[in-house]
Structure formats: structure tokens, C-alpha cells
Amino acid sequence: MALSGEAGWNQLPDDWSFFIGHGKVFALLGDGGQPVATGATLPYPGGFAWIGMVLVAASHRRQGLGTRILQACMQEVRSKGLVPVLDATPAGETVYRPLGFEPHFDLSRWQGQGGNTGRMRPGMRLLRESDVAALVASDAVAFGAERPALLTSLLRRAPRLALATDDGSGCVLARPGRLATQLGPVIARTETQAGELLEAALDLVEGPVFIDVIDAHPELARVLKDRGFSIQRPFLRMAQNRSTPFGDPRRLFAAVGPEFG
């Protein structure tokens, strides 16, 4: 958490715990035994694994520690016969491209404030655990792999912000963060439905909000602009030695976040 805080990242201990419980976390330790660099892998059944949580303490940068951590993560992923996938910042892209990572699509992190109206919009309801099986199946089409443990974890961490359409064909999840509530994923049949889900969730959120939206969905960008949101930073989804995205980006409206995919 000290590394996350120093870097200005949004994680909470629950995020680290999910990686430790479902993936593998690597660390390089300083003289006092504390982590000074980290990286994590999270395997998915669709033939790929996520690489995230790559952090280096400011006092230990420019020593090649980030590269060592990244190489350990890549080796772990390849040893399982999986393709490494990640979301890169512009600075990270310059590191990953020489390692064979190819671009898939662009995302932008938007930041703003929740509406905190306390009112549920017509046509929406709270998501139930009985919805999870259908949620996992719909999410897998967009993301490229089933991830029931992650989606169930999100539902349990922020149940008040886990919404579904009345017919269950679309939903939105969220998770608490150190700096802001992170909305996503948004799972929907159409971009219009995704916008309605996003509006409904934003009505209920209190305080700062982050959401990572795929740039190919301008209708969602308009929703966020109308609510006073602005772009904080861009990301580029990349995979090593693979030019074709996993899943269907046309159905992927908002990501969970660069930590999880």
C-alpha cells in the first residue's frame, strides 16, 4: 500500500489480496525487508494472463528494478503457456513495445464526481448473486475469458453500486478505492444501454469517481462530459506477440481497471 500511495494509485488492500489469492505477486525487497518493487500476474482461462501492479519506489528507480519485475511476470505467464496482456500508460508503452507487446485498443481514465442522489433510475435494480452466472457469461464475450471470482468480489465489495437492468441484460459493477470509487466493468448489449447503466451508477456514487472507458464508444464520453468529467490519463491495451484482441472490444464498454483487465 505504501508503494501504491507513493505512486498515486487507487488500490486498497483488497486489491492486493485478490492478486495474492488468485494470481502471483513478485517483489524485490529493500534493506529493511520491505518491498521496493512489485509486479503481479493474474491468469485467465481464455489463454492469457494479466500483468499489473508494476511499481517501483521512487528511491529505487533507474536501477532496472521495474524491468526485472516485468521479466519475472512475463516468465511466469509464459511458463503456463499463456499470453501476457496489460494496460500501458504512454510511458509504459515505450518499455513494452521493444518486448514484443502489440497494441489492441485505446482506453481513457475519466475522473469526476458522483451525483449521490440516492435514487434508483427506472428500469434499473440492484444486482443479485443469482445474476452472477449470466453476468460471467456476458462479460466473457466482451473480455475474452470468464472471471467469476473477480466479478463476485466486486459485487460483494460495493453491493450498493452493483446495478442491473430490469431484464438482466446489462449491468455495472464498482469497487471502493483509496482515492475514488472505480466504476467498471459496464456490460451491455448496446452503447446506449451502457450509457444508461453508467448514468444510473453515477447517480448513486458519493464523492470522486474513476472510470476507464474504451475510446471507441463516443456516446459514453458524451455522458461523462455532460456530468463534468475529464480525462485523467490514457491507456493502451497490449498483448505480447499478438495483434488480435481477446474477446470483443465492441462489447467492452468500461474496463475493471488496469490492475485486473
Protein backbone atom coordinates (compact mmCIF):
# COMPACT_ATOMS: atom_id res chain seq x y z
CA MET A 1 0.00 0.00 0.00
CA ALA A 2 2.94 2.34 0.63
CA LEU A 3 4.11 1.80 -2.96
CA SER A 4 0.58 2.35 -4.29
CA GLY A 5 0.20 5.52 -2.27
CA GLU A 6 3.56 6.93 -3.32
CA ALA A 7 2.65 6.37 -6.98
CA GLY A 8 -0.79 7.98 -6.53
CA TRP A 9 -2.59 4.75 -7.40
CA ASN A 10 -6.12 3.91 -6.27
CA GLN A 11 -5.71 0.41 -4.80
CA LEU A 12 -6.91 -0.78 -1.42
CA PRO A 13 -5.62 -3.84 0.47
CA ASP A 14 -8.49 -5.89 -1.01
CA ASP A 15 -7.00 -5.36 -4.48
CA TRP A 16 -3.59 -6.67 -3.41
CA SER A 17 -5.25 -9.55 -1.56
CA PHE A 18 -7.11 -10.60 -4.72
CA PHE A 19 -3.83 -10.88 -6.63
CA ILE A 20 -2.21 -12.83 -3.80
CA GLY A 21 -5.19 -15.19 -3.58
CA HIS A 22 -5.85 -15.72 -7.29
CA GLY A 23 -2.57 -14.89 -9.03
CA LYS A 24 1.05 -14.40 -8.12
CA VAL A 25 2.76 -11.29 -6.75
CA PHE A 26 6.51 -10.71 -7.13
CA ALA A 27 8.55 -8.30 -5.04
CA LEU A 28 12.10 -7.08 -4.69
CA LEU A 29 12.94 -6.21 -1.09
CA GLY A 30 14.92 -3.29 0.28
CA ASP A 31 17.50 -3.43 3.05
CA GLY A 32 14.78 -3.35 5.69
CA GLY A 33 12.86 -6.22 4.13
CA GLN A 34 10.09 -4.01 2.74
CA PRO A 35 9.03 -4.28 -0.93
CA VAL A 36 10.68 -1.63 -3.12
CA ALA A 37 9.35 -3.04 -6.41
CA THR A 38 6.35 -5.21 -7.21
CA GLY A 39 4.55 -6.84 -10.09
CA ALA A 40 1.69 -9.33 -10.31
CA THR A 41 0.15 -11.83 -12.70
CA LEU A 42 -3.46 -12.96 -12.85
CA PRO A 43 -4.22 -15.94 -15.13
CA TYR A 44 -7.48 -16.17 -17.03
CA PRO A 45 -8.92 -19.26 -18.76
CA GLY A 46 -9.08 -17.57 -22.17
CA GLY A 47 -5.41 -18.28 -22.95
CA PHE A 48 -3.93 -15.13 -21.43
CA ALA A 49 -2.84 -13.67 -18.11
CA TRP A 50 -2.93 -10.13 -16.83
CA ILE A 51 0.19 -8.31 -15.72
CA GLY A 52 -0.37 -5.46 -13.27
CA MET A 53 0.74 -3.79 -10.06
CA VAL A 54 4.16 -2.97 -11.55
CA LEU A 55 5.52 -0.43 -9.07
CA VAL A 56 8.97 0.80 -8.08
CA ALA A 57 9.69 3.01 -5.06
CA ALA A 58 10.89 6.47 -6.04
CA SER A 59 14.11 5.90 -4.07
CA HIS A 60 14.96 2.82 -6.17
CA ARG A 61 14.12 3.95 -9.70
CA ARG A 62 16.56 3.98 -12.63
CA GLN A 63 18.16 0.80 -11.33
CA GLY A 64 16.41 -1.63 -13.67
CA LEU A 65 14.12 -3.00 -10.94
CA GLY A 66 10.96 -2.46 -12.96
CA THR A 67 12.44 -4.41 -15.87
CA ARG A 68 13.47 -7.26 -13.57
CA ILE A 69 9.98 -7.45 -12.09
CA LEU A 70 8.35 -7.31 -15.52
CA GLN A 71 10.61 -10.09 -16.81
CA ALA A 72 9.68 -12.25 -13.81
CA CYS A 73 5.98 -11.66 -14.54
CA MET A 74 6.40 -12.46 -18.24
CA GLN A 75 8.33 -15.63 -17.46
CA GLU A 76 5.61 -16.75 -15.05
CA VAL A 77 2.90 -16.16 -17.67
CA ARG A 78 4.79 -17.87 -20.49
CA SER A 79 5.60 -20.86 -18.26
CA LYS A 80 1.85 -21.53 -18.12
CA GLY A 81 1.53 -21.28 -21.91
CA LEU A 82 -0.41 -18.02 -21.67
CA VAL A 83 -0.15 -14.68 -23.49
CA PRO A 84 0.86 -11.66 -21.35
CA VAL A 85 -1.69 -8.81 -21.55
CA LEU A 86 -1.62 -5.40 -19.86
CA ASP A 87 -2.83 -1.82 -20.00
CA ALA A 88 0.08 0.53 -20.66
CA THR A 89 0.45 4.22 -19.91
CA PRO A 90 2.20 6.25 -22.63
CA ALA A 91 5.45 5.95 -20.67
CA GLY A 92 4.95 2.21 -20.22
CA GLU A 93 4.24 1.73 -23.91
CA THR A 94 7.81 2.75 -24.75
CA VAL A 95 9.03 -0.05 -22.46
CA TYR A 96 6.62 -2.74 -23.66
CA ARG A 97 6.84 -2.30 -27.44
CA PRO A 98 10.51 -3.41 -27.66
CA LEU A 99 9.49 -6.52 -25.68
CA GLY A 100 7.06 -7.52 -28.42
CA PHE A 101 3.84 -6.10 -26.97
CA GLU A 102 1.38 -5.11 -29.70
CA PRO A 103 -1.47 -2.57 -29.39
CA HIS A 104 -5.10 -3.70 -29.25
CA PHE A 105 -7.21 -0.63 -28.40
CA ASP A 106 -7.17 2.68 -26.52
CA LEU A 107 -8.84 3.50 -23.21
CA SER A 108 -9.10 6.68 -21.19
CA ARG A 109 -9.48 7.09 -17.45
CA TRP A 110 -12.15 9.69 -16.74
CA GLN A 111 -12.48 11.36 -13.36
CA GLY A 112 -15.30 13.35 -11.81
CA GLN A 113 -17.84 13.40 -9.02
CA GLY A 114 -20.78 11.14 -8.28
CA GLY A 115 -24.28 12.53 -8.10
CA ASN A 116 -25.19 10.92 -4.75
CA THR A 117 -28.93 11.35 -5.37
CA GLY A 118 -29.87 8.16 -3.55
CA ARG A 119 -32.49 7.43 -6.23
CA MET A 120 -32.62 4.34 -8.41
CA ARG A 121 -33.46 5.13 -12.04
CA PRO A 122 -36.50 3.46 -13.63
CA GLY A 123 -35.59 0.24 -15.41
CA MET A 124 -32.72 -0.49 -13.02
CA ARG A 125 -32.37 -2.70 -9.95
CA LEU A 126 -29.67 -3.94 -7.63
CA LEU A 127 -27.61 -6.85 -8.95
CA ARG A 128 -28.11 -10.12 -7.07
CA GLU A 129 -25.73 -13.04 -6.58
CA SER A 130 -28.25 -15.14 -8.53
CA ASP A 131 -27.37 -12.91 -11.53
CA VAL A 132 -23.67 -13.83 -11.41
CA ALA A 133 -23.78 -16.80 -13.80
CA ALA A 134 -25.39 -14.72 -16.55
CA LEU A 135 -23.09 -11.81 -15.72
CA VAL A 136 -20.00 -14.01 -16.07
CA ALA A 137 -21.16 -15.32 -19.45
CA SER A 138 -21.91 -11.86 -20.85
CA ASP A 139 -18.65 -10.45 -19.52
CA ALA A 140 -16.65 -13.30 -21.07
CA VAL A 141 -17.92 -12.41 -24.56
CA ALA A 142 -16.54 -8.88 -24.19
CA PHE A 143 -13.42 -9.55 -22.12
CA GLY A 144 -12.36 -12.85 -23.65
CA ALA A 145 -12.45 -15.08 -20.55
CA GLU A 146 -14.71 -15.99 -17.67
CA ARG A 147 -13.74 -14.33 -14.39
CA PRO A 148 -16.35 -15.33 -11.79
CA ALA A 149 -14.07 -14.80 -8.76
CA LEU A 150 -13.33 -11.19 -9.71
CA LEU A 151 -16.91 -10.27 -10.56
CA THR A 152 -18.23 -11.87 -7.37
CA SER A 153 -15.60 -9.99 -5.38
CA LEU A 154 -16.68 -6.68 -6.92
CA LEU A 155 -20.34 -7.41 -6.21
CA ARG A 156 -19.57 -8.09 -2.56
CA ARG A 157 -17.27 -5.10 -2.15
CA ALA A 158 -19.73 -2.50 -3.43
CA PRO A 159 -23.23 -4.06 -3.50
CA ARG A 160 -24.99 -0.67 -3.39
CA LEU A 161 -23.39 0.26 -6.72
CA ALA A 162 -23.86 -3.10 -8.44
CA LEU A 163 -26.77 -2.45 -10.79
CA ALA A 164 -28.61 -4.42 -13.45
CA THR A 165 -31.29 -3.58 -15.95
CA ASP A 166 -34.69 -4.97 -15.01
CA ASP A 167 -34.37 -7.71 -17.64
CA GLY A 168 -30.82 -8.56 -16.53
CA SER A 169 -29.32 -7.95 -19.97
CA GLY A 170 -26.89 -5.27 -18.74
CA CYS A 171 -25.08 -4.45 -15.53
CA VAL A 172 -22.43 -2.26 -13.93
CA LEU A 173 -20.11 -3.04 -11.02
CA ALA A 174 -17.78 -0.92 -8.91
CA ARG A 175 -15.14 -1.14 -6.22
CA PRO A 176 -14.01 1.23 -3.47
CA GLY A 177 -10.61 2.87 -3.93
CA ARG A 178 -8.07 4.82 -1.92
CA LEU A 179 -8.75 8.00 -3.92
CA ALA A 180 -12.06 7.35 -5.70
CA THR A 181 -14.74 4.79 -6.43
CA GLN A 182 -13.75 2.84 -9.55
CA LEU A 183 -16.71 2.03 -11.80
CA GLY A 184 -16.49 -0.92 -14.16
CA PRO A 185 -16.99 -3.18 -15.85
CA VAL A 186 -20.04 -1.95 -17.71
CA ILE A 187 -21.64 -4.89 -19.52
CA ALA A 188 -24.37 -4.10 -22.04
CA ARG A 189 -25.91 -5.08 -25.34
CA THR A 190 -25.55 -1.62 -26.87
CA GLU A 191 -23.68 1.61 -26.23
CA THR A 192 -26.98 3.32 -25.41
CA GLN A 193 -27.74 0.74 -22.74
CA ALA A 194 -24.18 1.11 -21.41
CA GLY A 195 -24.76 4.86 -21.10
CA GLU A 196 -28.00 4.31 -19.17
CA LEU A 197 -26.22 1.96 -16.75
CA LEU A 198 -23.40 4.44 -16.31
CA GLU A 199 -25.84 7.28 -15.58
CA ALA A 200 -27.70 5.12 -13.04
CA ALA A 201 -24.50 4.19 -11.22
CA LEU A 202 -23.20 7.76 -11.19
CA ASP A 203 -26.48 8.90 -9.61
CA LEU A 204 -25.74 6.68 -6.61
CA VAL A 205 -22.00 7.25 -6.12
CA GLU A 206 -20.83 9.65 -3.45
CA GLY A 207 -17.54 11.54 -3.93
CA PRO A 208 -14.78 11.14 -6.53
CA VAL A 209 -15.19 8.59 -9.34
CA PHE A 210 -12.77 6.99 -11.81
CA ILE A 211 -13.92 5.00 -14.85
CA ASP A 212 -11.82 3.51 -17.67
CA VAL A 213 -13.79 3.79 -20.91
CA ILE A 214 -12.82 2.30 -24.26
CA ASP A 215 -12.26 5.22 -26.63
CA ALA A 216 -14.32 3.61 -29.42
CA HIS A 217 -17.53 4.48 -27.55
CA PRO A 218 -18.11 8.25 -28.02
CA GLU A 219 -21.63 8.12 -26.54
CA LEU A 220 -20.15 7.22 -23.16
CA ALA A 221 -17.67 10.07 -23.48
CA ARG A 222 -20.60 12.46 -24.04
CA VAL A 223 -22.35 11.16 -20.91
CA LEU A 224 -19.24 11.79 -18.85
CA LYS A 225 -18.55 15.24 -20.34
CA ASP A 226 -22.13 16.29 -19.62
CA ARG A 227 -21.53 15.35 -15.98
CA GLY A 228 -18.36 17.42 -15.77
CA PHE A 229 -15.89 14.53 -16.04
CA SER A 230 -12.47 14.99 -17.63
CA ILE A 231 -9.78 12.63 -18.89
CA GLN A 232 -7.08 11.93 -16.33
CA ARG A 233 -4.81 9.69 -18.41
CA PRO A 234 -4.85 7.40 -21.46
CA PHE A 235 -4.09 3.67 -21.54
CA LEU A 236 -3.31 1.27 -24.35
CA ARG A 237 -4.29 -2.39 -24.08
CA MET A 238 -1.42 -4.53 -25.36
CA ALA A 239 -0.53 -8.21 -25.65
CA GLN A 240 2.85 -9.78 -26.24
CA ASN A 241 3.29 -11.13 -29.78
CA ARG A 242 -0.42 -10.98 -30.53
CA SER A 243 -2.13 -8.35 -32.65
CA THR A 244 -5.72 -9.61 -32.28
CA PRO A 245 -7.63 -8.63 -29.12
CA PHE A 246 -9.09 -11.24 -26.84
CA GLY A 247 -12.86 -11.03 -26.57
CA ASP A 248 -14.90 -8.44 -28.46
CA PRO A 249 -13.90 -4.79 -27.82
CA ARG A 250 -17.18 -3.68 -29.42
CA ARG A 251 -18.96 -5.20 -26.39
CA LEU A 252 -16.40 -3.94 -23.86
CA PHE A 253 -17.60 -0.51 -22.71
CA ALA A 254 -15.70 0.14 -19.47
CA ALA A 255 -12.87 -1.89 -18.02
CA VAL A 256 -12.45 -3.05 -14.42
CA GLY A 257 -9.17 -1.12 -14.40
CA PRO A 258 -5.54 -1.59 -15.45
CA GLU A 259 -4.99 -3.85 -12.45
CA PHE A 260 -7.47 -6.54 -13.49
CA GLY A 261 -8.41 -6.02 -17.13
